[in-house]
């Protein structure tokens, strides 16, 4: 899977789950108030297929519009 494919597929998961997707150079952030287990499983499967990154769940730095958590995806260089 290529990087563009990953972004496209993550975008679909994020849209279905009503989350927010932010892309900043080599960091992808998915933000939301709640992350259902099924959504996290979909994201994890996509990242396993891509295989060139690590991901972490953090408290959001900006708590506005109900955003409380951020999944940050870091690419290996």
N, C-alpha and C. Protein backbone atom coordinates (compact mmCIF):
# COMPACT_ATOMS: atom_id res chain seq x y z
N UNK A 1 0.84 -1.17 0.00
CA UNK A 1 0.00 0.00 0.00
C UNK A 1 0.89 1.24 0.00
N UNK A 2 0.54 2.20 -0.83
CA UNK A 2 1.29 3.45 -0.91
C UNK A 2 0.72 4.48 0.07
N UNK A 3 1.48 5.52 0.33
CA UNK A 3 1.08 6.57 1.28
C UNK A 3 -0.25 7.20 0.87
N UNK A 4 -0.41 7.50 -0.43
CA UNK A 4 -1.65 8.12 -0.90
C UNK A 4 -2.85 7.21 -0.68
N UNK A 5 -2.65 5.90 -0.86
CA UNK A 5 -3.73 4.93 -0.61
C UNK A 5 -4.11 4.93 0.87
N UNK A 6 -3.09 4.98 1.74
CA UNK A 6 -3.33 5.02 3.18
C UNK A 6 -4.17 6.25 3.55
N UNK A 7 -3.80 7.41 3.03
CA UNK A 7 -4.53 8.64 3.33
C UNK A 7 -5.97 8.54 2.85
N UNK A 8 -6.16 8.01 1.65
CA UNK A 8 -7.51 7.86 1.08
C UNK A 8 -8.37 6.94 1.95
N UNK A 9 -7.82 5.80 2.33
CA UNK A 9 -8.58 4.84 3.14
C UNK A 9 -8.82 5.34 4.56
N UNK A 10 -7.83 6.01 5.14
CA UNK A 10 -8.03 6.61 6.46
C UNK A 10 -9.12 7.69 6.39
N UNK A 11 -9.13 8.44 5.30
CA UNK A 11 -10.15 9.48 5.11
C UNK A 11 -11.55 8.90 5.12
N UNK A 12 -11.72 7.74 4.50
CA UNK A 12 -13.04 7.09 4.48
C UNK A 12 -13.45 6.63 5.88
N UNK A 13 -12.51 6.04 6.62
CA UNK A 13 -12.81 5.60 7.99
C UNK A 13 -13.15 6.80 8.87
N UNK A 14 -12.39 7.86 8.74
CA UNK A 14 -12.60 9.08 9.54
C UNK A 14 -13.96 9.69 9.22
N UNK A 15 -14.30 9.74 7.94
CA UNK A 15 -15.59 10.31 7.53
C UNK A 15 -16.76 9.49 8.07
N UNK A 16 -16.66 8.17 7.97
CA UNK A 16 -17.71 7.29 8.49
C UNK A 16 -17.90 7.46 9.99
N UNK A 17 -16.81 7.70 10.71
CA UNK A 17 -16.84 7.79 12.17
C UNK A 17 -17.03 9.21 12.68
N UNK A 18 -17.17 10.16 11.74
CA UNK A 18 -17.33 11.58 12.09
C UNK A 18 -16.18 12.10 12.96
N UNK A 19 -14.97 11.78 12.52
CA UNK A 19 -13.76 12.26 13.19
C UNK A 19 -13.10 13.31 12.31
N UNK A 20 -11.99 13.86 12.76
CA UNK A 20 -11.27 14.90 12.02
C UNK A 20 -9.89 14.37 11.64
N UNK A 21 -9.53 14.50 10.36
CA UNK A 21 -8.24 14.05 9.85
C UNK A 21 -7.38 15.27 9.55
N UNK A 22 -6.17 15.30 10.12
CA UNK A 22 -5.21 16.38 9.85
C UNK A 22 -3.91 15.74 9.37
N UNK A 23 -3.34 16.33 8.31
CA UNK A 23 -2.08 15.83 7.76
C UNK A 23 -1.08 16.97 7.80
N UNK A 24 0.07 16.72 8.44
CA UNK A 24 1.11 17.74 8.56
C UNK A 24 2.46 17.07 8.29
N UNK A 25 2.97 17.20 7.11
CA UNK A 25 4.22 16.59 6.63
C UNK A 25 4.24 15.10 6.93
N UNK A 26 5.04 14.64 7.89
CA UNK A 26 5.15 13.20 8.13
C UNK A 26 4.32 12.73 9.33
N UNK A 27 3.40 13.59 9.82
CA UNK A 27 2.53 13.20 10.93
C UNK A 27 1.08 13.30 10.47
N UNK A 28 0.32 12.25 10.72
CA UNK A 28 -1.11 12.23 10.45
C UNK A 28 -1.81 12.22 11.80
N UNK A 29 -2.79 13.09 11.99
CA UNK A 29 -3.54 13.11 13.25
C UNK A 29 -5.01 12.86 12.96
N UNK A 30 -5.60 11.98 13.74
CA UNK A 30 -7.04 11.73 13.69
C UNK A 30 -7.58 12.14 15.04
N UNK A 31 -8.51 13.10 15.04
CA UNK A 31 -8.99 13.66 16.29
C UNK A 31 -10.48 13.41 16.46
N UNK A 32 -10.89 13.24 17.70
CA UNK A 32 -12.30 13.05 17.99
C UNK A 32 -12.57 12.97 19.47
N UNK A 33 -13.85 13.03 19.81
CA UNK A 33 -14.25 12.96 21.21
C UNK A 33 -14.27 11.51 21.68
N UNK A 34 -14.76 10.62 20.81
CA UNK A 34 -14.83 9.20 21.14
C UNK A 34 -14.23 8.39 20.01
N UNK A 35 -13.50 7.35 20.33
CA UNK A 35 -13.00 6.40 19.35
C UNK A 35 -13.59 5.05 19.69
N UNK A 36 -14.55 4.60 18.90
CA UNK A 36 -15.14 3.29 19.13
C UNK A 36 -14.12 2.22 18.79
N UNK A 37 -14.22 1.09 19.44
CA UNK A 37 -13.27 -0.01 19.23
C UNK A 37 -13.23 -0.43 17.76
N UNK A 38 -14.38 -0.45 17.10
CA UNK A 38 -14.41 -0.86 15.68
C UNK A 38 -13.62 0.12 14.81
N UNK A 39 -13.68 1.41 15.14
CA UNK A 39 -12.92 2.41 14.38
C UNK A 39 -11.43 2.23 14.60
N UNK A 40 -11.03 2.02 15.85
CA UNK A 40 -9.60 1.80 16.14
C UNK A 40 -9.11 0.54 15.44
N UNK A 41 -9.93 -0.50 15.40
CA UNK A 41 -9.54 -1.74 14.71
C UNK A 41 -9.34 -1.51 13.22
N UNK A 42 -10.23 -0.72 12.58
CA UNK A 42 -10.09 -0.41 11.15
C UNK A 42 -8.79 0.36 10.90
N UNK A 43 -8.53 1.36 11.74
CA UNK A 43 -7.31 2.16 11.60
C UNK A 43 -6.08 1.28 11.78
N UNK A 44 -6.11 0.41 12.79
CA UNK A 44 -4.98 -0.47 13.05
C UNK A 44 -4.72 -1.42 11.88
N UNK A 45 -5.78 -1.97 11.29
CA UNK A 45 -5.60 -2.86 10.13
C UNK A 45 -4.96 -2.13 8.96
N UNK A 46 -5.41 -0.90 8.69
CA UNK A 46 -4.82 -0.11 7.61
C UNK A 46 -3.35 0.17 7.87
N UNK A 47 -3.01 0.50 9.11
CA UNK A 47 -1.62 0.80 9.44
C UNK A 47 -0.75 -0.44 9.37
N UNK A 48 -1.30 -1.61 9.69
CA UNK A 48 -0.54 -2.85 9.55
C UNK A 48 -0.26 -3.15 8.08
N UNK A 49 -1.23 -2.85 7.21
CA UNK A 49 -1.02 -3.04 5.77
C UNK A 49 0.04 -2.08 5.24
N UNK A 50 0.02 -0.84 5.74
CA UNK A 50 1.00 0.15 5.31
C UNK A 50 2.38 -0.18 5.86
N UNK A 51 2.45 -0.47 7.14
CA UNK A 51 3.64 -1.03 7.76
C UNK A 51 4.85 -0.14 7.98
N UNK A 52 4.81 1.12 7.61
CA UNK A 52 5.98 1.98 7.73
C UNK A 52 5.75 3.12 8.73
N UNK A 53 5.06 2.81 9.82
CA UNK A 53 4.73 3.88 10.76
C UNK A 53 4.48 3.31 12.16
N UNK A 54 4.38 4.20 13.12
CA UNK A 54 3.95 3.84 14.46
C UNK A 54 2.86 4.82 14.85
N UNK A 55 1.98 4.41 15.76
CA UNK A 55 0.88 5.29 16.14
C UNK A 55 0.65 5.25 17.64
N UNK A 56 0.14 6.39 18.16
CA UNK A 56 -0.10 6.57 19.58
C UNK A 56 -1.39 7.34 19.78
N UNK A 57 -2.06 7.10 20.89
CA UNK A 57 -3.25 7.88 21.25
C UNK A 57 -2.85 8.86 22.35
N UNK A 58 -3.11 10.14 22.10
CA UNK A 58 -2.77 11.22 23.04
C UNK A 58 -4.02 12.02 23.40
N UNK A 59 -3.99 12.71 24.54
CA UNK A 59 -5.02 13.73 24.78
C UNK A 59 -4.82 14.85 23.76
N UNK A 60 -5.89 15.41 23.27
CA UNK A 60 -5.79 16.49 22.29
C UNK A 60 -5.19 17.73 22.92
N UNK A 61 -4.38 18.45 22.17
CA UNK A 61 -3.79 19.70 22.65
C UNK A 61 -4.80 20.84 22.63
N UNK A 62 -5.74 20.77 21.70
CA UNK A 62 -6.79 21.79 21.61
C UNK A 62 -8.13 21.13 21.85
N UNK A 63 -8.72 21.41 22.98
CA UNK A 63 -10.02 20.83 23.29
C UNK A 63 -11.09 21.84 22.88
N UNK A 64 -11.56 21.69 21.64
CA UNK A 64 -12.62 22.53 21.14
C UNK A 64 -13.52 21.68 20.26
N UNK A 65 -14.75 22.03 20.16
CA UNK A 65 -15.74 21.26 19.40
C UNK A 65 -15.80 19.81 19.87
N UNK A 66 -15.54 19.57 21.14
CA UNK A 66 -15.64 18.23 21.69
C UNK A 66 -14.46 17.33 21.40
N UNK A 67 -13.40 17.85 20.78
CA UNK A 67 -12.23 17.03 20.48
C UNK A 67 -11.44 16.80 21.76
N UNK A 68 -11.25 15.53 22.13
CA UNK A 68 -10.56 15.23 23.37
C UNK A 68 -9.35 14.34 23.17
N UNK A 69 -9.33 13.55 22.09
CA UNK A 69 -8.23 12.61 21.87
C UNK A 69 -7.70 12.73 20.45
N UNK A 70 -6.43 12.41 20.29
CA UNK A 70 -5.78 12.44 18.99
C UNK A 70 -5.01 11.13 18.80
N UNK A 71 -5.22 10.49 17.66
CA UNK A 71 -4.36 9.38 17.26
C UNK A 71 -3.32 9.99 16.34
N UNK A 72 -2.05 9.92 16.73
CA UNK A 72 -0.97 10.45 15.89
C UNK A 72 -0.24 9.29 15.24
N UNK A 73 -0.06 9.41 13.93
CA UNK A 73 0.60 8.39 13.13
C UNK A 73 1.90 8.99 12.61
N UNK A 74 3.01 8.38 12.97
CA UNK A 74 4.33 8.88 12.58
C UNK A 74 4.91 7.95 11.52
N UNK A 75 5.39 8.55 10.42
CA UNK A 75 6.03 7.77 9.37
C UNK A 75 7.49 7.55 9.69
N UNK A 76 7.99 6.37 9.33
CA UNK A 76 9.42 6.14 9.41
C UNK A 76 10.07 6.78 8.21
N UNK A 77 11.26 7.32 8.39
CA UNK A 77 11.99 7.92 7.26
C UNK A 77 13.19 7.09 6.92
